[in-house]
Amino acid sequence: MATINGAKALMWENEIGSIEPGKKADLVIVDLSRPHTTPVNDPSTTLLYSSYGGDVLTTIVDGKLLMENRRLAYKNYEEVLEKAIEKTEEIMEKIRASWKK
């Protein structure tokens, strides 16, 4: 929406800031047709004040599809979840150990 001027300010306009071939792209497609986001008088305001994470349909980060139609696009989805659980357990163990000191 308003990213090219930010990219110019950082002198990164050749890498980011607009949707063009060769540039990095992070995109989120949001469903604004839900009762809590309707009517949409100003899309920016609706996104900011009325929408939430559950309204996200599709997410693309650096040109890679991560979620499509509210479903994660990882081929190794179960492996990713398993690693996340393992890492969480490691972090929680470190927190518990710091409380005992």
PDB file of N, CA and C in Angstrom:
ATOM      1  N   MET A   1       0.824  -1.196   0.000  1.00  0.00           N
ATOM      2  CA  MET A   1       0.000   0.000   0.000  1.00  0.00           C
ATOM      3  C   MET A   1       0.868   1.261   0.000  1.00  0.00           C
ATOM      4  N   ALA A   2       1.566   1.485   1.085  1.00  0.00           N
ATOM      5  CA  ALA A   2       2.361   2.710   1.188  1.00  0.00           C
ATOM      6  C   ALA A   2       3.796   2.358   1.524  1.00  0.00           C
ATOM      7  N   THR A   3       4.373   1.424   0.789  1.00  0.00           N
ATOM      8  CA  THR A   3       5.685   0.919   1.173  1.00  0.00           C
ATOM      9  C   THR A   3       6.838   1.476   0.358  1.00  0.00           C
ATOM     10  N   ILE A   4       6.594   1.993  -0.829  1.00  0.00           N
ATOM     11  CA  ILE A   4       7.693   2.434  -1.676  1.00  0.00           C
ATOM     12  C   ILE A   4       8.436   3.618  -1.072  1.00  0.00           C
ATOM     13  N   ASN A   5       7.716   4.528  -0.423  1.00  0.00           N
ATOM     14  CA  ASN A   5       8.404   5.680   0.179  1.00  0.00           C
ATOM     15  C   ASN A   5       9.257   5.259   1.375  1.00  0.00           C
ATOM     16  N   GLY A   6       8.794   4.277   2.130  1.00  0.00           N
ATOM     17  CA  GLY A   6       9.602   3.743   3.218  1.00  0.00           C
ATOM     18  C   GLY A   6      10.856   3.082   2.679  1.00  0.00           C
ATOM     19  N   ALA A   7      10.712   2.335   1.597  1.00  0.00           N
ATOM     20  CA  ALA A   7      11.869   1.685   0.968  1.00  0.00           C
ATOM     21  C   ALA A   7      12.844   2.737   0.435  1.00  0.00           C
ATOM     22  N   LYS A   8      12.330   3.812  -0.141  1.00  0.00           N
ATOM     23  CA  LYS A   8      13.196   4.886  -0.636  1.00  0.00           C
ATOM     24  C   LYS A   8      13.942   5.546   0.519  1.00  0.00           C
ATOM     25  N   ALA A   9      13.246   5.757   1.625  1.00  0.00           N
ATOM     26  CA  ALA A   9      13.881   6.393   2.785  1.00  0.00           C
ATOM     27  C   ALA A   9      15.039   5.544   3.306  1.00  0.00           C
ATOM     28  N   LEU A  10      14.905   4.225   3.188  1.00  0.00           N
ATOM     29  CA  LEU A  10      15.962   3.315   3.630  1.00  0.00           C
ATOM     30  C   LEU A  10      16.966   3.015   2.521  1.00  0.00           C
ATOM     31  N   MET A  11      16.720   3.572   1.333  1.00  0.00           N
ATOM     32  CA  MET A  11      17.532   3.339   0.133  1.00  0.00           C
ATOM     33  C   MET A  11      17.539   1.863  -0.267  1.00  0.00           C
ATOM     34  N   TRP A  12      16.385   1.211  -0.095  1.00  0.00           N
ATOM     35  CA  TRP A  12      16.210  -0.188  -0.478  1.00  0.00           C
ATOM     36  C   TRP A  12      15.179  -0.338  -1.590  1.00  0.00           C
ATOM     37  N   GLU A  13      14.865   0.751  -2.283  1.00  0.00           N
ATOM     38  CA  GLU A  13      13.793   0.692  -3.278  1.00  0.00           C
ATOM     39  C   GLU A  13      14.084  -0.260  -4.428  1.00  0.00           C
ATOM     40  N   ASN A  14      15.336  -0.675  -4.615  1.00  0.00           N
ATOM     41  CA  ASN A  14      15.653  -1.658  -5.657  1.00  0.00           C
ATOM     42  C   ASN A  14      15.366  -3.082  -5.200  1.00  0.00           C
ATOM     43  N   GLU A  15      15.176  -3.278  -3.886  1.00  0.00           N
ATOM     44  CA  GLU A  15      14.935  -4.618  -3.332  1.00  0.00           C
ATOM     45  C   GLU A  15      13.504  -4.811  -2.843  1.00  0.00           C
ATOM     46  N   ILE A  16      12.922  -3.763  -2.272  1.00  0.00           N
ATOM     47  CA  ILE A  16      11.592  -3.866  -1.653  1.00  0.00           C
ATOM     48  C   ILE A  16      10.769  -2.619  -1.975  1.00  0.00           C
ATOM     49  N   GLY A  17       9.531  -2.621  -1.525  1.00  0.00           N
ATOM     50  CA  GLY A  17       8.714  -1.418  -1.604  1.00  0.00           C
ATOM     51  C   GLY A  17       7.640  -1.422  -2.674  1.00  0.00           C
ATOM     52  N   SER A  18       7.745  -2.344  -3.619  1.00  0.00           N
ATOM     53  CA  SER A  18       6.723  -2.444  -4.654  1.00  0.00           C
ATOM     54  C   SER A  18       6.703  -3.882  -5.168  1.00  0.00           C
ATOM     55  N   ILE A  19       5.612  -4.250  -5.804  1.00  0.00           N
ATOM     56  CA  ILE A  19       5.461  -5.606  -6.338  1.00  0.00           C
ATOM     57  C   ILE A  19       5.978  -5.595  -7.774  1.00  0.00           C
ATOM     58  N   GLU A  20       7.190  -6.115  -7.950  1.00  0.00           N
ATOM     59  CA  GLU A  20       7.824  -6.165  -9.266  1.00  0.00           C
ATOM     60  C   GLU A  20       8.690  -7.415  -9.348  1.00  0.00           C
ATOM     61  N   PRO A  21       8.897  -7.932 -10.563  1.00  0.00           N
ATOM     62  CA  PRO A  21       9.796  -9.084 -10.710  1.00  0.00           C
ATOM     63  C   PRO A  21      11.183  -8.761 -10.157  1.00  0.00           C
ATOM     64  N   GLY A  22      11.741  -9.701  -9.397  1.00  0.00           N
ATOM     65  CA  GLY A  22      13.075  -9.538  -8.855  1.00  0.00           C
ATOM     66  C   GLY A  22      13.133  -8.905  -7.480  1.00  0.00           C
ATOM     67  N   LYS A  23      12.015  -8.331  -7.009  1.00  0.00           N
ATOM     68  CA  LYS A  23      11.994  -7.729  -5.683  1.00  0.00           C
ATOM     69  C   LYS A  23      11.445  -8.724  -4.669  1.00  0.00           C
ATOM     70  N   LYS A  24      11.865  -8.555  -3.423  1.00  0.00           N
ATOM     71  CA  LYS A  24      11.335  -9.383  -2.355  1.00  0.00           C
ATOM     72  C   LYS A  24       9.898  -8.958  -2.099  1.00  0.00           C
ATOM     73  N   ALA A  25       9.037  -9.939  -1.843  1.00  0.00           N
ATOM     74  CA  ALA A  25       7.625  -9.610  -1.663  1.00  0.00           C
ATOM     75  C   ALA A  25       7.050 -10.352  -0.467  1.00  0.00           C
ATOM     76  N   ASP A  26       6.443  -9.620   0.436  1.00  0.00           N
ATOM     77  CA  ASP A  26       5.664 -10.177   1.530  1.00  0.00           C
ATOM     78  C   ASP A  26       4.232  -9.694   1.313  1.00  0.00           C
ATOM     79  N   LEU A  27       3.317 -10.631   1.114  1.00  0.00           N
ATOM     80  CA  LEU A  27       1.926 -10.279   0.840  1.00  0.00           C
ATOM     81  C   LEU A  27       1.006 -11.051   1.761  1.00  0.00           C
ATOM     82  N   VAL A  28      -0.062 -10.403   2.168  1.00  0.00           N
ATOM     83  CA  VAL A  28      -1.094 -11.049   2.962  1.00  0.00           C
ATOM     84  C   VAL A  28      -2.432 -10.725   2.308  1.00  0.00           C
ATOM     85  N   ILE A  29      -3.222 -11.750   2.045  1.00  0.00           N
ATOM     86  CA  ILE A  29      -4.567 -11.557   1.506  1.00  0.00           C
ATOM     87  C   ILE A  29      -5.542 -11.775   2.650  1.00  0.00           C
ATOM     88  N   VAL A  30      -6.358 -10.777   2.903  1.00  0.00           N
ATOM     89  CA  VAL A  30      -7.269 -10.780   4.047  1.00  0.00           C
ATOM     90  C   VAL A  30      -8.706 -10.766   3.558  1.00  0.00           C
ATOM     91  N   ASP A  31      -9.537 -11.590   4.178  1.00  0.00           N
ATOM     92  CA  ASP A  31     -10.968 -11.645   3.860  1.00  0.00           C
ATOM     93  C   ASP A  31     -11.679 -10.514   4.606  1.00  0.00           C
ATOM     94  N   LEU A  32     -12.108  -9.506   3.875  1.00  0.00           N
ATOM     95  CA  LEU A  32     -12.818  -8.374   4.486  1.00  0.00           C
ATOM     96  C   LEU A  32     -14.321  -8.465   4.290  1.00  0.00           C
ATOM     97  N   SER A  33     -14.806  -9.647   3.918  1.00  0.00           N
ATOM     98  CA  SER A  33     -16.243  -9.808   3.684  1.00  0.00           C
ATOM     99  C   SER A  33     -16.947 -10.429   4.883  1.00  0.00           C
ATOM    100  N   ARG A  34     -16.304 -10.449   6.033  1.00  0.00           N
ATOM    101  CA  ARG A  34     -16.879 -11.062   7.218  1.00  0.00           C
ATOM    102  C   ARG A  34     -17.722 -10.025   7.974  1.00  0.00           C
ATOM    103  N   PRO A  35     -18.643 -10.460   8.797  1.00  0.00           N
ATOM    104  CA  PRO A  35     -19.525  -9.500   9.480  1.00  0.00           C
ATOM    105  C   PRO A  35     -18.792  -8.417  10.265  1.00  0.00           C
ATOM    106  N   HIS A  36     -17.685  -8.777  10.946  1.00  0.00           N
ATOM    107  CA  HIS A  36     -16.988  -7.785  11.768  1.00  0.00           C
ATOM    108  C   HIS A  36     -16.121  -6.827  10.943  1.00  0.00           C
ATOM    109  N   THR A  37     -15.987  -7.069   9.645  1.00  0.00           N
ATOM    110  CA  THR A  37     -15.213  -6.156   8.795  1.00  0.00           C
ATOM    111  C   THR A  37     -16.087  -5.453   7.755  1.00  0.00           C
ATOM    112  N   THR A  38     -17.370  -5.631   7.848  1.00  0.00           N
ATOM    113  CA  THR A  38     -18.289  -5.064   6.863  1.00  0.00           C
ATOM    114  C   THR A  38     -19.116  -3.957   7.495  1.00  0.00           C
ATOM    115  N   PRO A  39     -19.375  -2.863   6.828  1.00  0.00           N
ATOM    116  CA  PRO A  39     -18.934  -2.487   5.486  1.00  0.00           C
ATOM    117  C   PRO A  39     -17.502  -1.955   5.515  1.00  0.00           C
ATOM    118  N   VAL A  40     -16.843  -2.034   4.372  1.00  0.00           N
ATOM    119  CA  VAL A  40     -15.476  -1.523   4.239  1.00  0.00           C
ATOM    120  C   VAL A  40     -15.544  -0.145   3.591  1.00  0.00           C
ATOM    121  N   ASN A  41     -15.430   0.877   4.420  1.00  0.00           N
ATOM    122  CA  ASN A  41     -15.399   2.245   3.897  1.00  0.00           C
ATOM    123  C   ASN A  41     -13.979   2.647   3.533  1.00  0.00           C
ATOM    124  N   ASP A  42     -13.035   2.198   4.332  1.00  0.00           N
ATOM    125  CA  ASP A  42     -11.617   2.477   4.096  1.00  0.00           C
ATOM    126  C   ASP A  42     -10.847   1.193   4.404  1.00  0.00           C
ATOM    127  N   PRO A  43     -10.293   0.530   3.387  1.00  0.00           N
ATOM    128  CA  PRO A  43      -9.617  -0.758   3.615  1.00  0.00           C
ATOM    129  C   PRO A  43      -8.513  -0.697   4.668  1.00  0.00           C
ATOM    130  N   SER A  44      -7.718   0.362   4.678  1.00  0.00           N
ATOM    131  CA  SER A  44      -6.638   0.471   5.664  1.00  0.00           C
ATOM    132  C   SER A  44      -7.181   0.519   7.082  1.00  0.00           C
ATOM    133  N   THR A  45      -8.202   1.314   7.296  1.00  0.00           N
ATOM    134  CA  THR A  45      -8.805   1.432   8.622  1.00  0.00           C
ATOM    135  C   THR A  45      -9.466   0.121   9.035  1.00  0.00           C
ATOM    136  N   THR A  46     -10.131  -0.535   8.101  1.00  0.00           N
ATOM    137  CA  THR A  46     -10.771  -1.819   8.397  1.00  0.00           C
ATOM    138  C   THR A  46      -9.728  -2.856   8.792  1.00  0.00           C
ATOM    139  N   LEU A  47      -8.611  -2.913   8.056  1.00  0.00           N
ATOM    140  CA  LEU A  47      -7.539  -3.845   8.410  1.00  0.00           C
ATOM    141  C   LEU A  47      -7.002  -3.555   9.805  1.00  0.00           C
ATOM    142  N   LEU A  48      -6.806  -2.300  10.108  1.00  0.00           N
ATOM    143  CA  LEU A  48      -6.202  -1.902  11.377  1.00  0.00           C
ATOM    144  C   LEU A  48      -7.127  -2.123  12.566  1.00  0.00           C
ATOM    145  N   TYR A  49      -8.379  -1.734  12.453  1.00  0.00           N
ATOM    146  CA  TYR A  49      -9.265  -1.726  13.609  1.00  0.00           C
ATOM    147  C   TYR A  49     -10.262  -2.881  13.685  1.00  0.00           C
ATOM    148  N   SER A  50     -10.558  -3.543  12.582  1.00  0.00           N
ATOM    149  CA  SER A  50     -11.628  -4.541  12.600  1.00  0.00           C
ATOM    150  C   SER A  50     -11.182  -5.963  12.307  1.00  0.00           C
ATOM    151  N   SER A  51     -10.085  -6.140  11.613  1.00  0.00           N
ATOM    152  CA  SER A  51      -9.671  -7.490  11.240  1.00  0.00           C
ATOM    153  C   SER A  51      -8.722  -8.082  12.279  1.00  0.00           C
ATOM    154  N   TYR A  52      -8.532  -9.378  12.214  1.00  0.00           N
ATOM    155  CA  TYR A  52      -7.601 -10.076  13.108  1.00  0.00           C
ATOM    156  C   TYR A  52      -6.984 -11.244  12.342  1.00  0.00           C
ATOM    157  N   GLY A  53      -6.076 -11.973  12.968  1.00  0.00           N
ATOM    158  CA  GLY A  53      -5.332 -13.023  12.297  1.00  0.00           C
ATOM    159  C   GLY A  53      -6.181 -14.065  11.607  1.00  0.00           C
ATOM    160  N   GLY A  54      -7.343 -14.368  12.166  1.00  0.00           N
ATOM    161  CA  GLY A  54      -8.227 -15.362  11.579  1.00  0.00           C
ATOM    162  C   GLY A  54      -8.819 -14.943  10.247  1.00  0.00           C
ATOM    163  N   ASP A  55      -8.674 -13.678   9.889  1.00  0.00           N
ATOM    164  CA  ASP A  55      -9.180 -13.180   8.611  1.00  0.00           C
ATOM    165  C   ASP A  55      -8.178 -13.373   7.473  1.00  0.00           C
ATOM    166  N   VAL A  56      -6.958 -13.780   7.809  1.00  0.00           N
ATOM    167  CA  VAL A  56      -5.930 -13.965   6.784  1.00  0.00           C
ATOM    168  C   VAL A  56      -6.234 -15.225   5.979  1.00  0.00           C
ATOM    169  N   LEU A  57      -6.291 -15.068   4.671  1.00  0.00           N
ATOM    170  CA  LEU A  57      -6.531 -16.189   3.767  1.00  0.00           C
ATOM    171  C   LEU A  57      -5.222 -16.778   3.244  1.00  0.00           C
ATOM    172  N   THR A  58      -4.349 -15.907   2.767  1.00  0.00           N
ATOM    173  CA  THR A  58      -3.122 -16.337   2.111  1.00  0.00           C
ATOM    174  C   THR A  58      -1.965 -15.464   2.572  1.00  0.00           C
ATOM    175  N   THR A  59      -0.799 -16.085   2.763  1.00  0.00           N
ATOM    176  CA  THR A  59       0.405 -15.364   3.168  1.00  0.00           C
ATOM    177  C   THR A  59       1.560 -15.791   2.273  1.00  0.00           C
ATOM    178  N   ILE A  60       2.261 -14.801   1.738  1.00  0.00           N
ATOM    179  CA  ILE A  60       3.438 -15.033   0.908  1.00  0.00           C
ATOM    180  C   ILE A  60       4.572 -14.209   1.510  1.00  0.00           C
ATOM    181  N   VAL A  61       5.695 -14.857   1.833  1.00  0.00           N
ATOM    182  CA  VAL A  61       6.843 -14.172   2.415  1.00  0.00           C
ATOM    183  C   VAL A  61       8.047 -14.389   1.514  1.00  0.00           C
ATOM    184  N   ASP A  62       8.641 -13.276   1.100  1.00  0.00           N
ATOM    185  CA  ASP A  62       9.792 -13.309   0.199  1.00  0.00           C
ATOM    186  C   ASP A  62       9.494 -14.159  -1.035  1.00  0.00           C
ATOM    187  N   GLY A  63       8.264 -14.062  -1.500  1.00  0.00           N
ATOM    188  CA  GLY A  63       7.855 -14.780  -2.699  1.00  0.00           C
ATOM    189  C   GLY A  63       7.495 -16.243  -2.479  1.00  0.00           C
ATOM    190  N   LYS A  64       7.563 -16.713  -1.227  1.00  0.00           N
ATOM    191  CA  LYS A  64       7.258 -18.115  -0.937  1.00  0.00           C
ATOM    192  C   LYS A  64       5.873 -18.217  -0.304  1.00  0.00           C
ATOM    193  N   LEU A  65       5.048 -19.092  -0.839  1.00  0.00           N
ATOM    194  CA  LEU A  65       3.709 -19.321  -0.327  1.00  0.00           C
ATOM    195  C   LEU A  65       3.796 -20.066   1.005  1.00  0.00           C
ATOM    196  N   LEU A  66       3.320 -19.448   2.074  1.00  0.00           N
ATOM    197  CA  LEU A  66       3.332 -20.078   3.391  1.00  0.00           C
ATOM    198  C   LEU A  66       1.952 -20.585   3.801  1.00  0.00           C
ATOM    199  N   MET A  67       0.916 -19.867   3.386  1.00  0.00           N
ATOM    200  CA  MET A  67      -0.444 -20.270   3.723  1.00  0.00           C
ATOM    201  C   MET A  67      -1.349 -19.913   2.547  1.00  0.00           C
ATOM    202  N   GLU A  68      -2.249 -20.839   2.222  1.00  0.00           N
ATOM    203  CA  GLU A  68      -3.188 -20.595   1.127  1.00  0.00           C
ATOM    204  C   GLU A  68      -4.562 -21.079   1.548  1.00  0.00           C
ATOM    205  N   ASN A  69      -5.569 -20.211   1.398  1.00  0.00           N
ATOM    206  CA  ASN A  69      -6.938 -20.523   1.801  1.00  0.00           C
ATOM    207  C   ASN A  69      -7.004 -21.043   3.239  1.00  0.00           C
ATOM    208  N   ARG A  70      -6.304 -20.337   4.124  1.00  0.00           N
ATOM    209  CA  ARG A  70      -6.270 -20.636   5.564  1.00  0.00           C
ATOM    210  C   ARG A  70      -5.615 -21.975   5.904  1.00  0.00           C
ATOM    211  N   ARG A  71      -4.881 -22.562   4.987  1.00  0.00           N
ATOM    212  CA  ARG A  71      -4.168 -23.819   5.246  1.00  0.00           C
ATOM    213  C   ARG A  71      -2.684 -23.592   5.018  1.00  0.00           C
ATOM    214  N   LEU A  72      -1.868 -24.048   5.978  1.00  0.00           N
ATOM    215  CA  LEU A  72      -0.434 -23.921   5.827  1.00  0.00           C
ATOM    216  C   LEU A  72       0.025 -24.685   4.591  1.00  0.00           C
ATOM    217  N   ALA A  73       0.932 -24.102   3.857  1.00  0.00           N
ATOM    218  CA  ALA A  73       1.378 -24.687   2.601  1.00  0.00           C
ATOM    219  C   ALA A  73       2.655 -25.513   2.767  1.00  0.00           C
ATOM    220  N   TYR A  74       3.089 -25.726   3.998  1.00  0.00           N
ATOM    221  CA  TYR A  74       4.291 -26.536   4.233  1.00  0.00           C
ATOM    222  C   TYR A  74       4.031 -27.980   3.837  1.00  0.00           C
ATOM    223  N   LYS A  75       4.955 -28.563   3.105  1.00  0.00           N
ATOM    224  CA  LYS A  75       4.834 -29.975   2.786  1.00  0.00           C
ATOM    225  C   LYS A  75       5.171 -30.820   4.004  1.00  0.00           C
ATOM    226  N   ASN A  76       6.037 -30.292   4.866  1.00  0.00           N
ATOM    227  CA  ASN A  76       6.462 -31.006   6.063  1.00  0.00           C
ATOM    228  C   ASN A  76       5.817 -30.389   7.308  1.00  0.00           C
ATOM    229  N   TYR A  77       4.542 -30.126   7.230  1.00  0.00           N
ATOM    230  CA  TYR A  77       3.787 -29.463   8.294  1.00  0.00           C
ATOM    231  C   TYR A  77       3.964 -30.156   9.646  1.00  0.00           C
ATOM    232  N   GLU A  78       3.832 -31.479   9.685  1.00  0.00           N
ATOM    233  CA  GLU A  78       3.949 -32.215  10.939  1.00  0.00           C
ATOM    234  C   GLU A  78       5.351 -32.077  11.524  1.00  0.00           C
ATOM    235  N   GLU A  79       6.364 -32.099  10.661  1.00  0.00           N
ATOM    236  CA  GLU A  79       7.751 -31.946  11.113  1.00  0.00           C
ATOM    237  C   GLU A  79       7.974 -30.558  11.723  1.00  0.00           C
ATOM    238  N   VAL A  80       7.407 -29.549  11.097  1.00  0.00           N
ATOM    239  CA  VAL A  80       7.533 -28.185  11.612  1.00  0.00           C
ATOM    240  C   VAL A  80       6.869 -28.080  12.984  1.00  0.00           C
ATOM    241  N   LEU A  81       5.676 -28.652  13.130  1.00  0.00           N
ATOM    242  CA  LEU A  81       4.993 -28.623  14.422  1.00  0.00           C
ATOM    243  C   LEU A  81       5.788 -29.360  15.493  1.00  0.00           C
ATOM    244  N   GLU A  82       6.333 -30.507  15.137  1.00  0.00           N
ATOM    245  CA  GLU A  82       7.119 -31.290  16.089  1.00  0.00           C
ATOM    246  C   GLU A  82       8.343 -30.508  16.565  1.00  0.00           C
ATOM    247  N   LYS A  83       9.040 -29.857  15.646  1.00  0.00           N
ATOM    248  CA  LYS A  83      10.202 -29.048  16.013  1.00  0.00           C
ATOM    249  C   LYS A  83       9.793 -27.872  16.899  1.00  0.00           C
ATOM    250  N   ALA A  84       8.651 -27.270  16.607  1.00  0.00           N
ATOM    251  CA  ALA A  84       8.170 -26.149  17.416  1.00  0.00           C
ATOM    252  C   ALA A  84       7.868 -26.597  18.842  1.00  0.00           C
ATOM    253  N   ILE A  85       7.272 -27.756  18.991  1.00  0.00           N
ATOM    254  CA  ILE A  85       6.969 -28.292  20.321  1.00  0.00           C
ATOM    255  C   ILE A  85       8.265 -28.598  21.073  1.00  0.00           C
ATOM    256  N   GLU A  86       9.225 -29.225  20.396  1.00  0.00           N
ATOM    257  CA  GLU A  86      10.509 -29.534  21.020  1.00  0.00           C
ATOM    258  C   GLU A  86      11.211 -28.258  21.480  1.00  0.00           C
ATOM    259  N   LYS A  87      11.235 -27.247  20.633  1.00  0.00           N
ATOM    260  CA  LYS A  87      11.894 -25.988  20.973  1.00  0.00           C
ATOM    261  C   LYS A  87      11.195 -25.310  22.138  1.00  0.00           C
ATOM    262  N   THR A  88       9.872 -25.363  22.159  1.00  0.00           N
ATOM    263  CA  THR A  88       9.120 -24.780  23.264  1.00  0.00           C
ATOM    264  C   THR A  88       9.464 -25.472  24.573  1.00  0.00           C
ATOM    265  N   GLU A  89       9.564 -26.788  24.542  1.00  0.00           N
ATOM    266  CA  GLU A  89       9.929 -27.531  25.746  1.00  0.00           C
ATOM    267  C   GLU A  89      11.328 -27.147  26.228  1.00  0.00           C
ATOM    268  N   GLU A  90      12.280 -26.967  25.288  1.00  0.00           N
ATOM    269  CA  GLU A  90      13.628 -26.540  25.659  1.00  0.00           C
ATOM    270  C   GLU A  90      13.601 -25.164  26.323  1.00  0.00           C
ATOM    271  N   ILE A  91      12.876 -24.247  25.743  1.00  0.00           N
ATOM    272  CA  ILE A  91      12.793 -22.889  26.285  1.00  0.00           C
ATOM    273  C   ILE A  91      12.144 -22.901  27.663  1.00  0.00           C
ATOM    274  N   MET A  92      11.054 -23.656  27.802  1.00  0.00           N
ATOM    275  CA  MET A  92      10.368 -23.722  29.100  1.00  0.00           C
ATOM    276  C   MET A  92      11.274 -24.330  30.169  1.00  0.00           C
ATOM    277  N   GLU A  93      12.075 -25.319  29.804  1.00  0.00           N
ATOM    278  CA  GLU A  93      13.009 -25.925  30.761  1.00  0.00           C
ATOM    279  C   GLU A  93      14.047 -24.908  31.230  1.00  0.00           C
ATOM    280  N   LYS A  94      14.540 -24.089  30.314  1.00  0.00           N
ATOM    281  CA  LYS A  94      15.488 -23.033  30.685  1.00  0.00           C
ATOM    282  C   LYS A  94      14.838 -22.014  31.602  1.00  0.00           C
ATOM    283  N   ILE A  95      13.594 -21.674  31.340  1.00  0.00           N
ATOM    284  CA  ILE A  95      12.872 -20.717  32.196  1.00  0.00           C
ATOM    285  C   ILE A  95      12.692 -21.305  33.590  1.00  0.00           C
ATOM    286  N   ARG A  96      12.254 -22.562  33.660  1.00  0.00           N
ATOM    287  CA  ARG A  96      12.061 -23.215  34.956  1.00  0.00           C
ATOM    288  C   ARG A  96      13.361 -23.295  35.730  1.00  0.00           C
ATOM    289  N   ALA A  97      14.459 -23.590  35.041  1.00  0.00           N
ATOM    290  CA  ALA A  97      15.761 -23.680  35.700  1.00  0.00           C
ATOM    291  C   ALA A  97      16.183 -22.314  36.244  1.00  0.00           C
ATOM    292  N   SER A  98      15.874 -21.243  35.530  1.00  0.00           N
ATOM    293  CA  SER A  98      16.249 -19.901  36.010  1.00  0.00           C
ATOM    294  C   SER A  98      15.427 -19.508  37.238  1.00  0.00           C
ATOM    295  N   TRP A  99      14.211 -20.039  37.382  1.00  0.00           N
ATOM    296  CA  TRP A  99      13.388 -19.728  38.553  1.00  0.00           C
ATOM    297  C   TRP A  99      13.957 -20.397  39.813  1.00  0.00           C
ATOM    298  N   LYS A 100      14.632 -21.514  39.646  1.00  0.00           N
ATOM    299  CA  LYS A 100      15.156 -22.255  40.795  1.00  0.00           C
ATOM    300  C   LYS A 100      16.409 -21.625  41.377  1.00  0.00           C
ATOM    301  N   LYS A 101      17.024 -20.712  40.628  1.00  0.00           N
ATOM    302  CA  LYS A 101      18.277 -20.091  41.096  1.00  0.00           C
ATOM    303  C   LYS A 101      18.039 -19.054  42.154  1.00  0.00           C
TER     304      LYS A 101
END
